[in-house]
Amino acid sequence: MKNEAALGEGTKDYLVAYRMVDNGVDLAVRQVEEYWGASAVDSMTEGLIEKLDGLRDEILKLMAAQISQNLLSSVSSTAI
């Protein structure tokens, strides 16, 4: 039996949100590096990166909850 799964629109949206956060981190780090130099990046962006890591974690939690709910609702009542 071949099982297939497709990404739902909601899941895709969560992945887009995750990527947007990633892009924001990259932009901020590059800006700090351009203005203050590479040696300042770690110390100046530590708090920002920590908070954005938390945001990414929350996005993944929400996405996982939605995926779990979608899987539970798609299981047939005759499934083992």
Protein backbone atom coordinates (compact mmCIF):
# COMPACT_ATOMS: atom_id res chain seq x y z
CA MET A 1 0.00 0.00 0.00
CA LYS A 2 1.38 3.36 -0.98
CA ASN A 3 0.82 6.22 1.48
CA GLU A 4 1.07 9.80 0.30
CA ALA A 5 0.86 13.02 2.19
CA ALA A 6 0.77 16.56 0.93
CA LEU A 7 1.49 19.79 2.75
CA GLY A 8 -1.66 21.64 3.60
CA GLU A 9 -1.97 25.37 3.03
CA GLY A 10 -1.76 26.01 6.77
CA THR A 11 1.47 24.05 7.05
CA LYS A 12 2.91 25.93 4.10
CA ASP A 13 1.99 29.22 5.77
CA TYR A 14 3.80 28.19 8.96
CA LEU A 15 6.88 27.32 6.91
CA VAL A 16 6.71 30.72 5.21
CA ALA A 17 6.44 32.43 8.62
CA TYR A 18 9.44 30.43 9.86
CA ARG A 19 11.45 31.43 6.81
CA MET A 20 10.47 35.09 7.24
CA VAL A 21 11.85 35.02 10.80
CA ASP A 22 15.02 33.43 9.46
CA ASN A 23 15.32 36.17 6.85
CA GLY A 24 14.84 38.83 9.52
CA VAL A 25 17.68 37.38 11.58
CA ASP A 26 19.94 37.29 8.54
CA LEU A 27 19.15 40.91 7.64
CA ALA A 28 19.77 42.17 11.18
CA VAL A 29 23.05 40.27 11.49
CA ARG A 30 24.28 41.57 8.14
CA GLN A 31 23.37 45.12 9.12
CA VAL A 32 25.26 44.87 12.41
CA GLU A 33 28.23 43.37 10.60
CA GLU A 34 28.24 46.14 8.00
CA TYR A 35 27.97 48.94 10.54
CA TRP A 36 29.97 47.67 13.53
CA GLY A 37 32.05 44.88 11.99
CA ALA A 38 32.09 41.11 12.21
CA SER A 39 33.67 41.11 15.66
CA ALA A 40 30.60 42.86 17.10
CA VAL A 41 27.97 40.54 15.65
CA ASP A 42 27.88 37.91 18.40
CA SER A 43 27.72 40.30 21.31
CA MET A 44 25.28 42.73 19.70
CA THR A 45 22.84 40.19 18.31
CA GLU A 46 22.83 37.64 21.14
CA GLY A 47 19.54 38.85 22.64
CA LEU A 48 17.91 39.28 19.26
CA ILE A 49 18.86 35.81 18.09
CA GLU A 50 17.72 34.28 21.38
CA LYS A 51 14.29 35.91 21.06
CA LEU A 52 13.95 35.01 17.40
CA ASP A 53 14.96 31.41 18.16
CA GLY A 54 12.08 31.37 20.62
CA LEU A 55 9.74 32.74 17.95
CA ARG A 56 10.85 30.06 15.52
CA ASP A 57 10.27 27.40 18.18
CA GLU A 58 6.75 28.70 18.77
CA ILE A 59 6.00 28.66 15.03
CA LEU A 60 7.17 25.03 14.85
CA LYS A 61 5.03 24.09 17.88
CA LEU A 62 1.95 25.62 16.27
CA MET A 63 2.69 23.90 12.98
CA ALA A 64 3.20 20.53 14.71
CA ALA A 65 -0.08 20.93 16.59
CA GLN A 66 -1.93 21.64 13.36
CA ILE A 67 -0.29 18.70 11.58
CA SER A 68 -1.17 16.40 14.49
CA GLN A 69 -4.76 17.60 14.44
CA ASN A 70 -4.95 17.10 10.67
CA LEU A 71 -3.58 13.56 11.02
CA LEU A 72 -6.00 12.72 13.82
CA SER A 73 -8.98 14.03 11.88
CA SER A 74 -8.00 12.10 8.75
CA VAL A 75 -7.75 8.71 10.48
CA SER A 76 -10.62 6.46 9.59
CA SER A 77 -12.65 5.02 12.44
CA THR A 78 -11.85 1.54 11.10
CA ALA A 79 -8.08 2.08 11.28
CA ILE A 80 -6.10 0.01 13.73
